[in-house]
Amino acid sequence: MSNPDQTSLLRRKMETTPAPAAGSMAVSLETGCVKAMARAGFIAAGVKVSDQVVTVTEVSGGLELGDIMGEAGLVIPCPAPDESEGYLALSGGGLTALVEKTTTGKISEGEGEPRAASTIDRLLCHGFLERFLEAWRELMEDSSHEGWLEGYAPADRMIAPEVLGMSVVDVPYRIHTIQAKFDGGRDVTFWAALPQTRPQAAGAAEPQDTGRAVEDWAKDWRAAVLESPAELEAVLCKLELTLDEVRRWAPGDHVPIPSSALSTVTIGRRNGPCVATARLGQARGVRALRLNEISSQRAPQATARKETPPEALAHNPQGFEDRPGLAAPSDPAT
């Protein structure tokens, strides 16, 4: 029988054979991984993948993942839209075999010389990795693993195998390791590592209690805002100098400041509004500021009574006194 006749006969048999009932041809995750690798090799590079043996390992984080896949010749991250990220890797022999098959049409004998993967290597292997993920998803359609495989695609970048453990996202992974032969001669190891769990989809969370009053949410929001860090600066005074004067400064020089600077220290954000004014001094042996006036931007109940510096000093709370070495301004009343 001629080859066209054989093809026609096979086509007629496929058309007349009834489709299997749903679930009768269920494929396990491991079997699907092996079949996907065989499909990817044939479709992307015309490679015959044989003698496949798959093992599954679950690891708790990135360091263990690096220990298992650290001997790979090529490691490609595979991000998903939900921010999960998996990793596909080929041994040095698998990398050189795919490159040789793609460029020359045949795989040389032996194991191939180990070398660092280049950008050209990544481009030549991209089709194989892409077809593998597509085939694995197709084989797992309508199974409980369909959602677990959804969305992953090879990225346009590589990860150096020696730093893999420190570069990957530190989450638990499930690693499928396949030992196989390419074209019956080249020993190849292929790794497919995906996070064990996927992030919960938006809107899939259990509904929360919506009976809370709007006022309760407002209070919680206000409390969260008020706990935010606030960075303030205390400015003793501001001087207007020429650039030439500043250029002539030297260690030990004196920079005169007005005597009123002690009682007019401003507190606020850089290039922002003034929050309060204060007087410079010390309390309990450390430098301190005694607040004189609070800005009207604060809540009314938090606004302090405005006091002039001499009146504020007369209160002397907690032993507050002028900073040593700086004379207090004389009381105009004396």
Protein backbone atom coordinates (compact mmCIF):
# COMPACT_ATOMS: atom_id res chain seq x y z
CA MET A 1 0.00 0.00 0.00
CA SER A 2 1.38 3.40 -0.94
CA ASN A 3 1.98 6.10 1.63
CA PRO A 4 -0.99 8.27 0.45
CA ASP A 5 -3.26 5.22 0.74
CA GLN A 6 -2.05 4.61 4.31
CA THR A 7 -2.73 8.22 5.21
CA SER A 8 -6.25 8.06 3.76
CA LEU A 9 -6.97 4.82 5.62
CA LEU A 10 -5.81 6.29 8.95
CA ARG A 11 -7.92 9.40 8.38
CA ARG A 12 -11.05 7.34 7.68
CA LYS A 13 -10.49 5.26 10.84
CA MET A 14 -10.13 8.39 12.96
CA GLU A 15 -13.32 9.88 11.49
CA THR A 16 -15.39 6.73 12.07
CA THR A 17 -14.04 5.89 15.56
CA PRO A 18 -16.40 7.23 18.26
CA ALA A 19 -14.94 9.79 20.66
CA PRO A 20 -14.17 8.47 24.15
CA ALA A 21 -16.61 9.33 26.90
CA ALA A 22 -15.72 12.29 29.09
CA GLY A 23 -13.35 11.24 31.88
CA SER A 24 -12.57 7.83 30.34
CA MET A 25 -9.19 9.04 29.04
CA ALA A 26 -8.13 11.04 32.11
CA VAL A 27 -4.45 11.94 32.06
CA SER A 28 -2.48 12.38 35.27
CA LEU A 29 -0.39 15.48 35.85
CA GLU A 30 2.85 13.48 35.53
CA THR A 31 1.75 11.72 32.34
CA GLY A 32 0.63 15.01 30.87
CA CYS A 33 4.05 16.53 31.65
CA VAL A 34 5.84 13.68 29.83
CA LYS A 35 3.53 13.83 26.80
CA ALA A 36 3.84 17.62 26.66
CA MET A 37 7.63 17.37 26.50
CA ALA A 38 7.41 14.87 23.64
CA ARG A 39 4.98 17.09 21.72
CA ALA A 40 7.08 20.20 22.29
CA GLY A 41 10.27 18.54 21.10
CA PHE A 42 8.68 17.26 17.90
CA ILE A 43 6.70 20.42 17.04
CA ALA A 44 9.39 22.98 17.92
CA ALA A 45 12.52 21.22 16.68
CA GLY A 46 11.61 17.87 15.12
CA VAL A 47 13.26 16.04 18.04
CA LYS A 48 12.16 12.54 18.98
CA VAL A 49 11.87 12.35 22.77
CA SER A 50 12.11 8.85 24.23
CA ASP A 51 12.87 6.86 27.40
CA GLN A 52 11.15 9.45 29.58
CA VAL A 53 11.08 9.04 33.35
CA VAL A 54 9.43 11.70 35.52
CA THR A 55 9.82 12.33 39.23
CA VAL A 56 7.90 14.90 41.29
CA THR A 57 9.48 16.77 44.19
CA GLU A 58 7.88 19.33 46.46
CA VAL A 59 10.17 21.91 48.06
CA SER A 60 9.45 24.58 50.65
CA GLY A 61 11.27 27.50 49.07
CA GLY A 62 13.72 29.00 46.60
CA LEU A 63 16.91 27.63 48.16
CA GLU A 64 15.76 24.02 47.77
CA LEU A 65 14.65 24.81 44.22
CA GLY A 66 18.15 26.11 43.49
CA ASP A 67 19.72 22.94 44.88
CA ILE A 68 17.68 20.76 42.52
CA MET A 69 17.91 22.91 39.36
CA GLY A 70 21.32 24.49 39.98
CA GLU A 71 23.05 22.21 37.45
CA ALA A 72 20.84 23.33 34.57
CA GLY A 73 22.33 24.92 31.48
CA LEU A 74 19.35 27.19 30.79
CA VAL A 75 16.76 28.53 33.27
CA ILE A 76 13.81 30.60 32.03
CA PRO A 77 11.23 32.24 34.34
CA CYS A 78 7.59 31.80 33.35
CA PRO A 79 5.37 34.49 34.88
CA ALA A 80 1.57 34.39 34.93
CA PRO A 81 -0.93 37.27 34.94
CA ASP A 82 -1.77 36.67 38.62
CA GLU A 83 1.91 37.38 39.52
CA SER A 84 2.74 33.70 40.07
CA GLU A 85 6.06 32.71 38.52
CA GLY A 86 7.28 29.28 37.50
CA TYR A 87 10.60 28.17 36.02
CA LEU A 88 11.58 25.85 33.16
CA ALA A 89 15.12 24.55 32.83
CA LEU A 90 17.17 22.37 30.50
CA SER A 91 20.38 20.53 31.29
CA GLY A 92 23.50 21.47 29.35
CA GLY A 93 23.02 18.44 27.11
CA GLY A 94 19.41 19.34 26.39
CA LEU A 95 20.34 22.93 25.61
CA THR A 96 23.04 22.04 23.09
CA ALA A 97 20.87 19.29 21.57
CA LEU A 98 18.00 21.70 20.86
CA VAL A 99 20.37 24.31 19.44
CA GLU A 100 22.09 21.75 17.20
CA LYS A 101 18.80 20.27 16.00
CA THR A 102 17.32 23.69 15.28
CA THR A 103 20.36 25.02 13.42
CA THR A 104 21.85 21.94 11.70
CA GLY A 105 18.97 19.45 11.68
CA LYS A 106 20.82 16.80 13.69
CA ILE A 107 22.25 16.20 17.15
CA SER A 108 25.91 15.31 17.45
CA GLU A 109 27.06 12.22 19.31
CA GLY A 110 28.16 12.50 22.92
CA GLU A 111 26.93 14.68 25.71
CA GLY A 112 27.82 18.04 24.20
CA GLU A 113 30.21 20.56 25.70
CA PRO A 114 28.78 22.37 28.75
CA ARG A 115 28.66 26.14 28.34
CA ALA A 116 26.82 29.18 29.62
CA ALA A 117 23.58 29.87 27.77
CA SER A 118 23.55 32.90 25.51
CA THR A 119 20.73 35.13 24.30
CA ILE A 120 20.77 33.23 20.97
CA ASP A 121 20.37 29.95 22.89
CA ARG A 122 17.36 31.38 24.71
CA LEU A 123 15.74 32.45 21.45
CA LEU A 124 16.33 29.06 19.84
CA CYS A 125 14.86 27.21 22.85
CA HIS A 126 11.93 29.58 23.36
CA GLY A 127 9.64 27.71 20.97
CA PHE A 128 10.22 24.37 22.74
CA LEU A 129 9.41 25.87 26.16
CA GLU A 130 6.33 27.68 24.85
CA ARG A 131 4.99 24.54 23.13
CA PHE A 132 5.60 22.52 26.31
CA LEU A 133 3.42 24.78 28.46
CA GLU A 134 0.70 24.94 25.81
CA ALA A 135 0.63 21.15 25.39
CA TRP A 136 0.59 20.54 29.15
CA ARG A 137 -2.37 22.87 29.57
CA GLU A 138 -4.25 21.23 26.69
CA LEU A 139 -3.71 17.78 28.18
CA MET A 140 -5.00 18.96 31.57
CA GLU A 141 -8.15 20.63 30.25
CA ASP A 142 -11.30 19.80 32.25
CA SER A 143 -9.18 18.37 35.06
CA SER A 144 -8.54 19.62 38.58
CA HIS A 145 -5.08 20.78 37.45
CA GLU A 146 -6.30 23.09 34.70
CA GLY A 147 -6.37 26.18 36.91
CA TRP A 148 -2.98 25.36 38.41
CA LEU A 149 -1.31 25.50 34.97
CA GLU A 150 -3.25 28.49 33.62
CA GLY A 151 -1.45 31.56 32.32
CA TYR A 152 2.25 30.64 32.51
CA ALA A 153 4.44 31.71 29.56
CA PRO A 154 8.24 31.85 29.04
CA ALA A 155 9.74 35.28 29.70
CA ASP A 156 12.26 37.03 27.46
CA ARG A 157 15.03 36.69 30.02
CA MET A 158 17.20 34.08 31.71
CA ILE A 159 18.33 33.39 35.28
CA ALA A 160 21.89 32.28 35.95
CA PRO A 161 21.63 28.75 37.41
CA GLU A 162 24.26 29.43 40.08
CA VAL A 163 22.14 32.20 41.64
CA LEU A 164 18.76 30.57 41.04
CA GLY A 165 18.07 29.88 44.73
CA MET A 166 18.53 33.55 45.63
CA SER A 167 16.70 34.96 42.59
CA VAL A 168 13.38 33.12 42.58
CA VAL A 169 10.27 33.96 44.56
CA ASP A 170 10.57 32.16 47.90
CA VAL A 171 7.36 30.07 47.92
CA PRO A 172 6.73 26.30 47.97
CA TYR A 173 7.21 24.70 44.54
CA ARG A 174 6.25 21.44 42.85
CA ILE A 175 9.06 20.31 40.54
CA HIS A 176 8.60 17.81 37.69
CA THR A 177 12.00 16.39 36.68
CA ILE A 178 12.07 14.43 33.40
CA GLN A 179 15.01 12.26 32.35
CA ALA A 180 14.84 11.48 28.62
CA LYS A 181 16.77 11.01 25.39
CA PHE A 182 16.70 13.28 22.35
CA ASP A 183 16.79 11.40 19.03
CA GLY A 184 17.73 8.24 20.91
CA GLY A 185 21.27 9.38 21.76
CA ARG A 186 21.53 12.53 23.87
CA ASP A 187 20.69 12.25 27.58
CA VAL A 188 18.58 15.22 28.65
CA THR A 189 17.15 16.49 31.93
CA PHE A 190 14.21 18.87 31.87
CA TRP A 191 12.72 20.63 34.89
CA ALA A 192 9.31 22.28 35.25
CA ALA A 193 8.89 24.06 38.60
CA LEU A 194 5.61 25.83 39.42
CA PRO A 195 4.32 27.25 42.73
CA GLN A 196 2.28 24.69 44.62
CA THR A 197 -0.62 27.12 45.05
CA ARG A 198 -1.93 30.07 43.04
CA PRO A 199 -3.01 33.43 44.48
CA GLN A 200 -6.73 33.63 45.14
CA ALA A 201 -8.50 35.38 42.29
CA ALA A 202 -9.97 38.79 42.91
CA GLY A 203 -13.55 38.49 44.08
CA ALA A 204 -13.16 34.82 45.02
CA ALA A 205 -12.69 35.54 48.72
CA GLU A 206 -15.50 34.80 51.09
CA PRO A 207 -17.74 37.81 51.53
CA GLN A 208 -16.91 39.87 54.57
CA ASP A 209 -19.37 41.35 57.00
CA THR A 210 -20.92 44.34 55.24
CA GLY A 211 -23.18 45.30 58.12
CA ARG A 212 -20.69 47.73 59.64
CA ALA A 213 -21.76 51.33 59.64
CA VAL A 214 -20.01 53.83 57.43
CA GLU A 215 -18.91 55.66 60.58
CA ASP A 216 -17.03 52.56 61.76
CA TRP A 217 -15.14 52.31 58.49
CA ALA A 218 -14.35 56.03 58.66
CA LYS A 219 -12.94 55.64 62.18
CA ASP A 220 -10.74 52.74 61.13
CA TRP A 221 -9.53 54.64 58.10
CA ARG A 222 -8.78 57.74 60.15
CA ALA A 223 -6.89 55.67 62.74
CA ALA A 224 -4.78 54.07 60.01
CA VAL A 225 -3.97 57.47 58.52
CA LEU A 226 -3.06 58.97 61.90
CA GLU A 227 -0.64 56.09 62.53
CA SER A 228 1.31 56.97 59.39
CA PRO A 229 4.84 58.30 60.06
CA ALA A 230 5.29 62.07 60.01
CA GLU A 231 8.75 63.54 59.37
CA LEU A 232 9.22 67.07 60.71
CA GLU A 233 12.20 69.42 60.74
CA ALA A 234 13.04 72.05 63.38
CA VAL A 235 14.63 75.13 61.79
CA LEU A 236 16.48 77.52 64.11
CA CYS A 237 16.61 80.33 61.55
CA LYS A 238 17.10 81.00 57.87
CA LEU A 239 19.99 83.15 56.62
CA GLU A 240 20.36 84.98 53.36
CA LEU A 241 24.00 84.84 52.21
CA THR A 242 25.77 85.24 48.94
CA LEU A 243 27.31 82.25 47.26
CA ASP A 244 30.73 83.91 47.65
CA GLU A 245 30.28 84.12 51.44
CA VAL A 246 29.38 80.45 51.66
CA ARG A 247 32.31 79.53 49.43
CA ARG A 248 34.72 81.20 51.84
CA TRP A 249 33.48 79.21 54.85
CA ALA A 250 36.09 77.17 56.73
CA PRO A 251 35.92 74.91 59.82
CA GLY A 252 35.99 77.09 62.94
CA ASP A 253 34.32 80.12 61.39
CA HIS A 254 31.43 81.72 63.27
CA VAL A 255 28.10 82.19 61.54
CA PRO A 256 26.12 84.91 63.35
CA ILE A 257 22.43 84.30 63.92
CA PRO A 258 19.87 86.73 65.33
CA SER A 259 19.25 86.60 69.08
CA SER A 260 15.55 86.03 68.46
CA ALA A 261 16.29 82.67 66.83
CA LEU A 262 16.12 80.87 70.18
CA SER A 263 12.44 81.62 70.59
CA THR A 264 11.36 81.38 66.93
CA VAL A 265 12.29 77.83 65.99
CA THR A 266 9.83 76.62 63.34
CA ILE A 267 8.69 73.00 63.10
CA GLY A 268 7.24 71.58 59.90
CA ARG A 269 7.81 69.64 56.73
CA ARG A 270 10.57 70.57 54.34
CA ASN A 271 9.16 73.05 51.83
CA GLY A 272 5.82 72.64 53.56
CA PRO A 273 3.66 74.57 56.03
CA CYS A 274 4.78 75.36 59.58
CA VAL A 275 3.15 73.07 62.17
CA ALA A 276 4.34 74.84 65.32
CA THR A 277 6.83 77.33 66.73
CA ALA A 278 9.08 76.56 69.66
CA ARG A 279 11.96 77.77 71.84
CA LEU A 280 15.32 76.00 71.94
CA GLY A 281 16.61 74.88 75.33
CA GLN A 282 17.22 71.72 77.30
CA ALA A 283 15.27 69.41 79.59
CA ARG A 284 16.59 66.57 81.72
CA GLY A 285 20.08 67.05 80.36
CA VAL A 286 19.23 66.81 76.64
CA ARG A 287 18.43 69.43 74.03
CA ALA A 288 14.70 70.07 73.71
CA LEU A 289 12.11 72.33 72.14
CA ARG A 290 9.31 73.90 74.12
CA LEU A 291 6.27 74.49 71.93
CA ASN A 292 4.99 78.05 71.92
CA GLU A 293 2.25 78.06 69.30
CA ILE A 294 0.46 75.32 67.34
CA SER A 295 -0.64 75.97 63.77
CA SER A 296 -4.36 76.36 63.13
CA GLN A 297 -4.13 73.34 60.80
CA ARG A 298 -4.26 71.13 63.89
CA ALA A 299 -7.57 70.13 65.49
CA PRO A 300 -9.01 72.83 67.79
CA GLN A 301 -8.77 70.67 70.91
CA ALA A 302 -5.07 70.15 70.26
CA THR A 303 -4.27 73.88 69.90
CA ALA A 304 -2.11 75.24 72.69
CA ARG A 305 -2.51 78.72 74.16
CA LYS A 306 -0.25 81.20 72.45
CA GLU A 307 2.46 82.37 74.81
CA THR A 308 5.31 84.79 74.38
CA PRO A 309 8.78 83.31 75.01
CA PRO A 310 9.35 85.02 78.41
CA GLU A 311 5.94 83.86 79.67
CA ALA A 312 6.56 80.31 78.44
CA LEU A 313 9.92 80.17 80.16
CA ALA A 314 8.37 81.29 83.44
CA HIS A 315 6.39 78.03 83.55
CA ASN A 316 9.61 76.01 83.27
CA PRO A 317 7.88 72.59 82.78
CA GLN A 318 9.96 69.53 83.58
CA GLY A 319 13.03 71.59 84.31
CA PHE A 320 13.16 73.20 80.87
CA GLU A 321 15.85 75.88 80.63
CA ASP A 322 17.74 77.79 77.99
CA ARG A 323 20.35 75.95 76.03
CA PRO A 324 23.75 76.33 77.78
CA GLY A 325 26.08 78.79 76.13
CA LEU A 326 23.30 80.98 74.72
CA ALA A 327 22.11 83.91 76.76
CA ALA A 328 18.37 84.28 77.29
CA PRO A 329 16.88 87.46 75.92
CA SER A 330 16.34 90.15 78.52
CA ASP A 331 12.82 90.74 79.75
CA PRO A 332 11.56 94.00 78.27
CA ALA A 333 9.67 94.65 81.50
CA THR A 334 12.90 94.90 83.57
